[in-house]
């Protein structure tokens, strides 16, 4: 019985041996190294593609920030300041700012010489009008100066807002828009300074013209008082008109 069992076991081992030998794998070192290098290269390519996608995403985000518009505009305040000064100039009394009307009034009120046809009363009336023109020109210049001083506070506030927004700009577009508004503020201040200079120069010019007209009027009054110089002819002279 034992012999039969040993024989069966030996037969079983002989049958199993070829099957076990068939499960062994033969590894080629060269092929394995190539496969590892290929996998590493593939992984590196994937990492590079991931980095490219990340860079593209960052670039798109930067472009989006650069295209973000500034949610602040000082244009209305700047235009309002200029409009207020311009209204003061237009409301000014005296010699008109219209070129054609100013030329007509100037020739009448500031003549190069007086003719004999112009009465003393008319000359006195014109002298009063010239004095009023000079006074109104000075008043307009003073008003424009006051308006310029009042603009300092709003200009300071606008300047602070624009500088802060420029420094905290999210992108190039916001920074550019803030810079443009800073330039607009500077331009508005230059225009207001020009308006002030115009009113001051106008007051100076009218006063100088008035003084010239005073001299011409005095010359004409003296001429009428003296007559032709040969004989004395009584003549009524009205220096001040009621």
C-alpha atoms as a PDB file:
ATOM      1  CA  UNK A   1       0.000   0.000   0.000  1.00  0.00           C
ATOM      2  CA  UNK A   2       2.837   2.340   0.822  1.00  0.00           C
ATOM      3  CA  UNK A   3       4.551   1.541  -2.412  1.00  0.00           C
ATOM      4  CA  UNK A   4       1.425   2.407  -4.345  1.00  0.00           C
ATOM      5  CA  UNK A   5       1.115   5.794  -2.572  1.00  0.00           C
ATOM      6  CA  UNK A   6       4.757   6.701  -3.228  1.00  0.00           C
ATOM      7  CA  UNK A   7       4.366   5.842  -6.873  1.00  0.00           C
ATOM      8  CA  UNK A   8       1.285   8.022  -7.168  1.00  0.00           C
ATOM      9  CA  UNK A   9       3.048  10.941  -5.470  1.00  0.00           C
ATOM     10  CA  UNK A  10       6.053  10.610  -7.778  1.00  0.00           C
ATOM     11  CA  UNK A  11       3.779  10.537 -10.779  1.00  0.00           C
ATOM     12  CA  UNK A  12       2.039  13.685  -9.544  1.00  0.00           C
ATOM     13  CA  UNK A  13       5.347  15.566  -9.102  1.00  0.00           C
ATOM     14  CA  UNK A  14       6.457  14.538 -12.543  1.00  0.00           C
ATOM     15  CA  UNK A  15       3.159  15.889 -13.987  1.00  0.00           C
ATOM     16  CA  UNK A  16       3.361  19.185 -12.026  1.00  0.00           C
ATOM     17  CA  UNK A  17       7.026  19.935 -12.796  1.00  0.00           C
ATOM     18  CA  UNK A  18       6.561  20.992 -16.461  1.00  0.00           C
ATOM     19  CA  UNK A  19       3.627  23.256 -15.560  1.00  0.00           C
ATOM     20  CA  UNK A  20       5.649  25.053 -12.827  1.00  0.00           C
ATOM     21  CA  UNK A  21       8.577  25.514 -15.170  1.00  0.00           C
ATOM     22  CA  UNK A  22       6.240  27.124 -17.710  1.00  0.00           C
ATOM     23  CA  UNK A  23       5.274  29.982 -15.249  1.00  0.00           C
ATOM     24  CA  UNK A  24       8.798  31.445 -14.991  1.00  0.00           C
ATOM     25  CA  UNK A  25       9.272  34.873 -16.828  1.00  0.00           C
ATOM     26  CA  UNK A  26      12.511  35.688 -18.595  1.00  0.00           C
ATOM     27  CA  UNK A  27      13.405  39.475 -18.131  1.00  0.00           C
ATOM     28  CA  UNK A  28      15.513  41.365 -20.712  1.00  0.00           C
ATOM     29  CA  UNK A  29      17.483  44.118 -18.851  1.00  0.00           C
ATOM     30  CA  UNK A  30      18.001  46.212 -22.004  1.00  0.00           C
ATOM     31  CA  UNK A  31      14.341  46.179 -22.916  1.00  0.00           C
ATOM     32  CA  UNK A  32      13.376  46.995 -19.338  1.00  0.00           C
ATOM     33  CA  UNK A  33      15.702  50.037 -19.276  1.00  0.00           C
ATOM     34  CA  UNK A  34      14.270  51.295 -22.547  1.00  0.00           C
ATOM     35  CA  UNK A  35      10.739  50.939 -21.231  1.00  0.00           C
ATOM     36  CA  UNK A  36      11.661  52.877 -18.073  1.00  0.00           C
ATOM     37  CA  UNK A  37      13.274  55.662 -20.125  1.00  0.00           C
ATOM     38  CA  UNK A  38      10.218  55.836 -22.368  1.00  0.00           C
ATOM     39  CA  UNK A  39       7.915  56.105 -19.363  1.00  0.00           C
ATOM     40  CA  UNK A  40      10.120  58.824 -17.829  1.00  0.00           C
ATOM     41  CA  UNK A  41      10.150  60.819 -21.069  1.00  0.00           C
ATOM     42  CA  UNK A  42       6.407  60.487 -21.364  1.00  0.00           C
ATOM     43  CA  UNK A  43       5.957  61.685 -17.793  1.00  0.00           C
ATOM     44  CA  UNK A  44       8.248  64.670 -18.436  1.00  0.00           C
ATOM     45  CA  UNK A  45       6.260  65.607 -21.556  1.00  0.00           C
ATOM     46  CA  UNK A  46       3.043  65.457 -19.551  1.00  0.00           C
ATOM     47  CA  UNK A  47       4.552  67.691 -16.859  1.00  0.00           C
ATOM     48  CA  UNK A  48       5.671  70.172 -19.516  1.00  0.00           C
ATOM     49  CA  UNK A  49       2.209  70.246 -21.022  1.00  0.00           C
ATOM     50  CA  UNK A  50       0.723  70.850 -17.572  1.00  0.00           C
ATOM     51  CA  UNK A  51       3.128  73.768 -17.048  1.00  0.00           C
ATOM     52  CA  UNK A  52       2.214  75.215 -20.452  1.00  0.00           C
ATOM     53  CA  UNK A  53      -1.472  75.015 -19.578  1.00  0.00           C
ATOM     54  CA  UNK A  54      -0.798  76.706 -16.244  1.00  0.00           C
ATOM     55  CA  UNK A  55       1.174  79.471 -17.970  1.00  0.00           C
ATOM     56  CA  UNK A  56      -1.600  79.962 -20.502  1.00  0.00           C
ATOM     57  CA  UNK A  57      -4.175  80.142 -17.725  1.00  0.00           C
ATOM     58  CA  UNK A  58      -2.050  82.718 -15.870  1.00  0.00           C
ATOM     59  CA  UNK A  59      -1.637  84.716 -19.073  1.00  0.00           C
ATOM     60  CA  UNK A  60      -5.398  84.745 -19.602  1.00  0.00           C
ATOM     61  CA  UNK A  61      -5.898  85.901 -16.017  1.00  0.00           C
ATOM     62  CA  UNK A  62      -3.364  88.693 -16.515  1.00  0.00           C
ATOM     63  CA  UNK A  63      -5.060  89.751 -19.739  1.00  0.00           C
ATOM     64  CA  UNK A  64      -8.399  89.788 -17.948  1.00  0.00           C
ATOM     65  CA  UNK A  65      -6.946  92.033 -15.226  1.00  0.00           C
ATOM     66  CA  UNK A  66      -5.338  94.276 -17.836  1.00  0.00           C
ATOM     67  CA  UNK A  67      -8.702  94.681 -19.551  1.00  0.00           C
ATOM     68  CA  UNK A  68     -10.564  95.453 -16.341  1.00  0.00           C
ATOM     69  CA  UNK A  69     -12.013  98.959 -16.602  1.00  0.00           C
ATOM     70  CA  UNK A  70     -11.603 101.554 -13.866  1.00  0.00           C
ATOM     71  CA  UNK A  71     -14.883 102.016 -11.986  1.00  0.00           C
ATOM     72  CA  UNK A  72     -14.222 105.715 -11.318  1.00  0.00           C
ATOM     73  CA  UNK A  73     -14.461 108.848 -13.440  1.00  0.00           C
ATOM     74  CA  UNK A  74     -13.662 112.436 -12.470  1.00  0.00           C
ATOM     75  CA  UNK A  75     -14.856 113.802 -15.816  1.00  0.00           C
ATOM     76  CA  UNK A  76     -18.129 115.212 -14.490  1.00  0.00           C
ATOM     77  CA  UNK A  77     -16.382 117.068 -11.673  1.00  0.00           C
ATOM     78  CA  UNK A  78     -13.791 118.505 -14.063  1.00  0.00           C
ATOM     79  CA  UNK A  79     -16.427 119.645 -16.531  1.00  0.00           C
ATOM     80  CA  UNK A  80     -18.540 121.152 -13.747  1.00  0.00           C
ATOM     81  CA  UNK A  81     -15.596 123.235 -12.518  1.00  0.00           C
ATOM     82  CA  UNK A  82     -14.890 124.549 -16.011  1.00  0.00           C
ATOM     83  CA  UNK A  83     -18.582 125.243 -16.594  1.00  0.00           C
ATOM     84  CA  UNK A  84     -18.868 127.213 -13.351  1.00  0.00           C
ATOM     85  CA  UNK A  85     -15.932 129.423 -14.290  1.00  0.00           C
ATOM     86  CA  UNK A  86     -17.238 129.903 -17.803  1.00  0.00           C
ATOM     87  CA  UNK A  87     -20.646 130.953 -16.460  1.00  0.00           C
ATOM     88  CA  UNK A  88     -18.990 133.596 -14.305  1.00  0.00           C
ATOM     89  CA  UNK A  89     -17.250 134.985 -17.359  1.00  0.00           C
ATOM     90  CA  UNK A  90     -20.421 134.954 -19.461  1.00  0.00           C
ATOM     91  CA  UNK A  91     -22.427 136.612 -16.688  1.00  0.00           C
ATOM     92  CA  UNK A  92     -19.912 139.414 -16.382  1.00  0.00           C
ATOM     93  CA  UNK A  93     -21.360 142.835 -17.149  1.00  0.00           C
ATOM     94  CA  UNK A  94     -19.707 145.540 -19.200  1.00  0.00           C
ATOM     95  CA  UNK A  95     -18.048 145.126 -22.549  1.00  0.00           C
ATOM     96  CA  UNK A  96     -19.345 142.038 -24.350  1.00  0.00           C
ATOM     97  CA  UNK A  97     -17.112 139.022 -24.993  1.00  0.00           C
ATOM     98  CA  UNK A  98     -18.678 138.568 -28.422  1.00  0.00           C
ATOM     99  CA  UNK A  99     -16.082 139.719 -30.941  1.00  0.00           C
ATOM    100  CA  UNK A 100     -18.418 141.609 -33.277  1.00  0.00           C
ATOM    101  CA  UNK A 101     -20.365 143.299 -30.466  1.00  0.00           C
ATOM    102  CA  UNK A 102     -17.169 144.119 -28.585  1.00  0.00           C
ATOM    103  CA  UNK A 103     -15.662 145.777 -31.667  1.00  0.00           C
ATOM    104  CA  UNK A 104     -18.746 147.973 -32.151  1.00  0.00           C
ATOM    105  CA  UNK A 105     -18.942 149.027 -28.502  1.00  0.00           C
ATOM    106  CA  UNK A 106     -15.217 149.616 -28.263  1.00  0.00           C
ATOM    107  CA  UNK A 107     -15.148 151.959 -31.258  1.00  0.00           C
ATOM    108  CA  UNK A 108     -18.020 153.977 -29.791  1.00  0.00           C
ATOM    109  CA  UNK A 109     -16.858 154.131 -26.198  1.00  0.00           C
ATOM    110  CA  UNK A 110     -13.110 154.371 -26.799  1.00  0.00           C
ATOM    111  CA  UNK A 111     -12.810 156.599 -29.900  1.00  0.00           C
ATOM    112  CA  UNK A 112      -9.501 157.752 -31.280  1.00  0.00           C
ATOM    113  CA  UNK A 113     -10.889 161.298 -31.320  1.00  0.00           C
ATOM    114  CA  UNK A 114     -14.137 163.146 -30.630  1.00  0.00           C
ATOM    115  CA  UNK A 115     -15.875 165.053 -33.378  1.00  0.00           C
ATOM    116  CA  UNK A 116     -17.635 168.343 -32.850  1.00  0.00           C
ATOM    117  CA  UNK A 117     -20.971 166.596 -33.365  1.00  0.00           C
ATOM    118  CA  UNK A 118     -20.620 164.703 -30.073  1.00  0.00           C
ATOM    119  CA  UNK A 119     -22.092 166.687 -27.207  1.00  0.00           C
ATOM    120  CA  UNK A 120     -20.512 167.144 -23.830  1.00  0.00           C
ATOM    121  CA  UNK A 121     -23.361 165.226 -22.281  1.00  0.00           C
ATOM    122  CA  UNK A 122     -22.673 162.250 -24.538  1.00  0.00           C
ATOM    123  CA  UNK A 123     -18.977 162.338 -23.689  1.00  0.00           C
ATOM    124  CA  UNK A 124     -19.821 162.345 -19.981  1.00  0.00           C
ATOM    125  CA  UNK A 125     -22.216 159.428 -20.454  1.00  0.00           C
ATOM    126  CA  UNK A 126     -19.563 157.474 -22.348  1.00  0.00           C
ATOM    127  CA  UNK A 127     -17.032 158.209 -19.624  1.00  0.00           C
ATOM    128  CA  UNK A 128     -19.398 156.782 -17.040  1.00  0.00           C
ATOM    129  CA  UNK A 129     -19.937 153.678 -19.174  1.00  0.00           C
ATOM    130  CA  UNK A 130     -16.186 153.192 -19.554  1.00  0.00           C
ATOM    131  CA  UNK A 131     -15.741 153.421 -15.789  1.00  0.00           C
ATOM    132  CA  UNK A 132     -18.524 150.872 -15.328  1.00  0.00           C
ATOM    133  CA  UNK A 133     -16.873 148.533 -17.846  1.00  0.00           C
ATOM    134  CA  UNK A 134     -13.584 148.694 -15.955  1.00  0.00           C
ATOM    135  CA  UNK A 135     -15.359 148.065 -12.663  1.00  0.00           C
ATOM    136  CA  UNK A 136     -17.277 145.061 -14.028  1.00  0.00           C
ATOM    137  CA  UNK A 137     -14.131 143.627 -15.598  1.00  0.00           C
ATOM    138  CA  UNK A 138     -12.385 143.806 -12.227  1.00  0.00           C
ATOM    139  CA  UNK A 139     -15.419 142.239 -10.537  1.00  0.00           C
ATOM    140  CA  UNK A 140     -15.451 139.362 -13.044  1.00  0.00           C
ATOM    141  CA  UNK A 141     -11.736 138.757 -12.513  1.00  0.00           C
ATOM    142  CA  UNK A 142     -12.275 138.678  -8.747  1.00  0.00           C
ATOM    143  CA  UNK A 143     -15.132 136.183  -9.136  1.00  0.00           C
ATOM    144  CA  UNK A 144     -13.029 133.903 -11.310  1.00  0.00           C
ATOM    145  CA  UNK A 145     -10.240 134.082  -8.741  1.00  0.00           C
ATOM    146  CA  UNK A 146     -12.681 133.080  -6.008  1.00  0.00           C
ATOM    147  CA  UNK A 147     -13.957 130.195  -8.125  1.00  0.00           C
ATOM    148  CA  UNK A 148     -10.388 129.011  -8.686  1.00  0.00           C
ATOM    149  CA  UNK A 149      -9.732 129.032  -4.938  1.00  0.00           C
ATOM    150  CA  UNK A 150     -12.915 127.051  -4.294  1.00  0.00           C
ATOM    151  CA  UNK A 151     -11.762 124.456  -6.818  1.00  0.00           C
ATOM    152  CA  UNK A 152      -8.623 123.705  -4.805  1.00  0.00           C
ATOM    153  CA  UNK A 153     -10.484 121.518  -2.297  1.00  0.00           C
ATOM    154  CA  UNK A 154     -12.267 119.430  -4.927  1.00  0.00           C
ATOM    155  CA  UNK A 155      -9.062 119.184  -6.978  1.00  0.00           C
ATOM    156  CA  UNK A 156      -7.168 117.891  -3.969  1.00  0.00           C
ATOM    157  CA  UNK A 157      -9.854 115.264  -3.313  1.00  0.00           C
ATOM    158  CA  UNK A 158      -9.939 114.218  -6.987  1.00  0.00           C
ATOM    159  CA  UNK A 159      -6.144 114.038  -7.145  1.00  0.00           C
ATOM    160  CA  UNK A 160      -6.000 111.827  -4.053  1.00  0.00           C
ATOM    161  CA  UNK A 161      -8.647 109.449  -5.441  1.00  0.00           C
ATOM    162  CA  UNK A 162      -6.929 109.150  -8.807  1.00  0.00           C
ATOM    163  CA  UNK A 163      -3.470 108.553  -7.341  1.00  0.00           C
ATOM    164  CA  UNK A 164      -4.816 105.881  -4.985  1.00  0.00           C
ATOM    165  CA  UNK A 165      -6.661 104.138  -7.804  1.00  0.00           C
ATOM    166  CA  UNK A 166      -3.619 104.340 -10.044  1.00  0.00           C
ATOM    167  CA  UNK A 167      -1.400 102.752  -7.395  1.00  0.00           C
ATOM    168  CA  UNK A 168      -3.923  99.987  -6.685  1.00  0.00           C
ATOM    169  CA  UNK A 169      -4.805  99.351 -10.329  1.00  0.00           C
ATOM    170  CA  UNK A 170      -5.451  95.674 -11.091  1.00  0.00           C
ATOM    171  CA  UNK A 171      -4.149  95.897 -14.648  1.00  0.00           C
ATOM    172  CA  UNK A 172      -2.722  98.083 -17.359  1.00  0.00           C
ATOM    173  CA  UNK A 173      -6.106  99.417 -18.480  1.00  0.00           C
ATOM    174  CA  UNK A 174      -7.030 100.695 -15.021  1.00  0.00           C
ATOM    175  CA  UNK A 175      -3.606 102.286 -14.606  1.00  0.00           C
ATOM    176  CA  UNK A 176      -3.887 103.922 -18.025  1.00  0.00           C
ATOM    177  CA  UNK A 177      -7.396 105.226 -17.342  1.00  0.00           C
ATOM    178  CA  UNK A 178      -6.314 106.651 -13.985  1.00  0.00           C
ATOM    179  CA  UNK A 179      -3.341 108.321 -15.651  1.00  0.00           C
ATOM    180  CA  UNK A 180      -5.579 109.781 -18.359  1.00  0.00           C
ATOM    181  CA  UNK A 181      -7.859 111.261 -15.702  1.00  0.00           C
ATOM    182  CA  UNK A 182      -4.841 112.742 -13.919  1.00  0.00           C
ATOM    183  CA  UNK A 183      -3.858 114.390 -17.202  1.00  0.00           C
ATOM    184  CA  UNK A 184      -7.444 115.605 -17.601  1.00  0.00           C
ATOM    185  CA  UNK A 185      -7.270 117.188 -14.141  1.00  0.00           C
ATOM    186  CA  UNK A 186      -4.033 118.912 -15.087  1.00  0.00           C
ATOM    187  CA  UNK A 187      -5.593 120.144 -18.338  1.00  0.00           C
ATOM    188  CA  UNK A 188      -8.634 121.470 -16.488  1.00  0.00           C
ATOM    189  CA  UNK A 189      -6.411 123.389 -14.097  1.00  0.00           C
ATOM    190  CA  UNK A 190      -4.470 124.818 -17.046  1.00  0.00           C
ATOM    191  CA  UNK A 191      -7.715 125.878 -18.734  1.00  0.00           C
ATOM    192  CA  UNK A 192      -8.975 127.495 -15.539  1.00  0.00           C
ATOM    193  CA  UNK A 193      -5.676 129.346 -15.191  1.00  0.00           C
ATOM    194  CA  UNK A 194      -6.129 130.532 -18.773  1.00  0.00           C
ATOM    195  CA  UNK A 195      -9.651 131.719 -17.987  1.00  0.00           C
ATOM    196  CA  UNK A 196      -8.344 133.613 -14.978  1.00  0.00           C
ATOM    197  CA  UNK A 197      -5.556 135.158 -17.038  1.00  0.00           C
ATOM    198  CA  UNK A 198      -8.065 136.256 -19.680  1.00  0.00           C
ATOM    199  CA  UNK A 199     -10.276 138.037 -17.152  1.00  0.00           C
ATOM    200  CA  UNK A 200      -7.301 139.732 -15.504  1.00  0.00           C
ATOM    201  CA  UNK A 201      -5.839 140.837 -18.831  1.00  0.00           C
ATOM    202  CA  UNK A 202      -9.258 142.081 -19.910  1.00  0.00           C
ATOM    203  CA  UNK A 203      -9.618 144.203 -16.780  1.00  0.00           C
ATOM    204  CA  UNK A 204      -6.138 145.636 -17.331  1.00  0.00           C
ATOM    205  CA  UNK A 205      -6.820 146.360 -21.006  1.00  0.00           C
ATOM    206  CA  UNK A 206     -10.135 148.093 -20.303  1.00  0.00           C
ATOM    207  CA  UNK A 207      -8.596 150.249 -17.602  1.00  0.00           C
ATOM    208  CA  UNK A 208      -5.766 151.267 -19.903  1.00  0.00           C
ATOM    209  CA  UNK A 209      -8.265 152.030 -22.674  1.00  0.00           C
ATOM    210  CA  UNK A 210     -10.332 154.085 -20.228  1.00  0.00           C
ATOM    211  CA  UNK A 211      -7.318 156.161 -19.289  1.00  0.00           C
ATOM    212  CA  UNK A 212      -6.560 156.805 -22.958  1.00  0.00           C
ATOM    213  CA  UNK A 213     -10.183 157.836 -23.528  1.00  0.00           C
ATOM    214  CA  UNK A 214      -9.999 160.166 -20.516  1.00  0.00           C
ATOM    215  CA  UNK A 215      -7.018 161.918 -22.062  1.00  0.00           C
ATOM    216  CA  UNK A 216      -8.779 162.280 -25.411  1.00  0.00           C
ATOM    217  CA  UNK A 217     -11.905 163.611 -23.779  1.00  0.00           C
ATOM    218  CA  UNK A 218      -9.838 166.145 -21.822  1.00  0.00           C
ATOM    219  CA  UNK A 219      -8.147 167.237 -25.033  1.00  0.00           C
ATOM    220  CA  UNK A 220     -11.510 167.737 -26.760  1.00  0.00           C
ATOM    221  CA  UNK A 221     -12.959 169.662 -23.816  1.00  0.00           C
ATOM    222  CA  UNK A 222      -9.920 171.892 -23.754  1.00  0.00           C
ATOM    223  CA  UNK A 223     -10.193 172.471 -27.504  1.00  0.00           C
ATOM    224  CA  UNK A 224     -13.829 173.460 -27.226  1.00  0.00           C
ATOM    225  CA  UNK A 225     -13.073 175.763 -24.331  1.00  0.00           C
ATOM    226  CA  UNK A 226     -10.256 177.517 -26.147  1.00  0.00           C
ATOM    227  CA  UNK A 227     -12.016 177.721 -29.517  1.00  0.00           C
ATOM    228  CA  UNK A 228      -9.883 178.492 -32.591  1.00  0.00           C
ATOM    229  CA  UNK A 229      -7.437 180.567 -30.553  1.00  0.00           C
ATOM    230  CA  UNK A 230      -8.085 183.908 -32.305  1.00  0.00           C
ATOM    231  CA  UNK A 231     -11.157 185.200 -30.525  1.00  0.00           C
ATOM    232  CA  UNK A 232     -12.842 184.105 -27.389  1.00  0.00           C
ATOM    233  CA  UNK A 233     -16.307 182.697 -27.928  1.00  0.00           C
ATOM    234  CA  UNK A 234     -18.354 181.813 -24.885  1.00  0.00           C
ATOM    235  CA  UNK A 235     -19.242 178.121 -24.936  1.00  0.00           C
ATOM    236  CA  UNK A 236     -21.177 176.073 -22.438  1.00  0.00           C
ATOM    237  CA  UNK A 237     -19.082 173.203 -21.142  1.00  0.00           C
ATOM    238  CA  UNK A 238     -20.701 170.441 -19.137  1.00  0.00           C
ATOM    239  CA  UNK A 239     -18.006 168.457 -17.326  1.00  0.00           C
ATOM    240  CA  UNK A 240     -20.327 166.328 -15.240  1.00  0.00           C
ATOM    241  CA  UNK A 241     -23.711 165.213 -16.393  1.00  0.00           C
ATOM    242  CA  UNK A 242     -26.534 164.517 -14.035  1.00  0.00           C
END
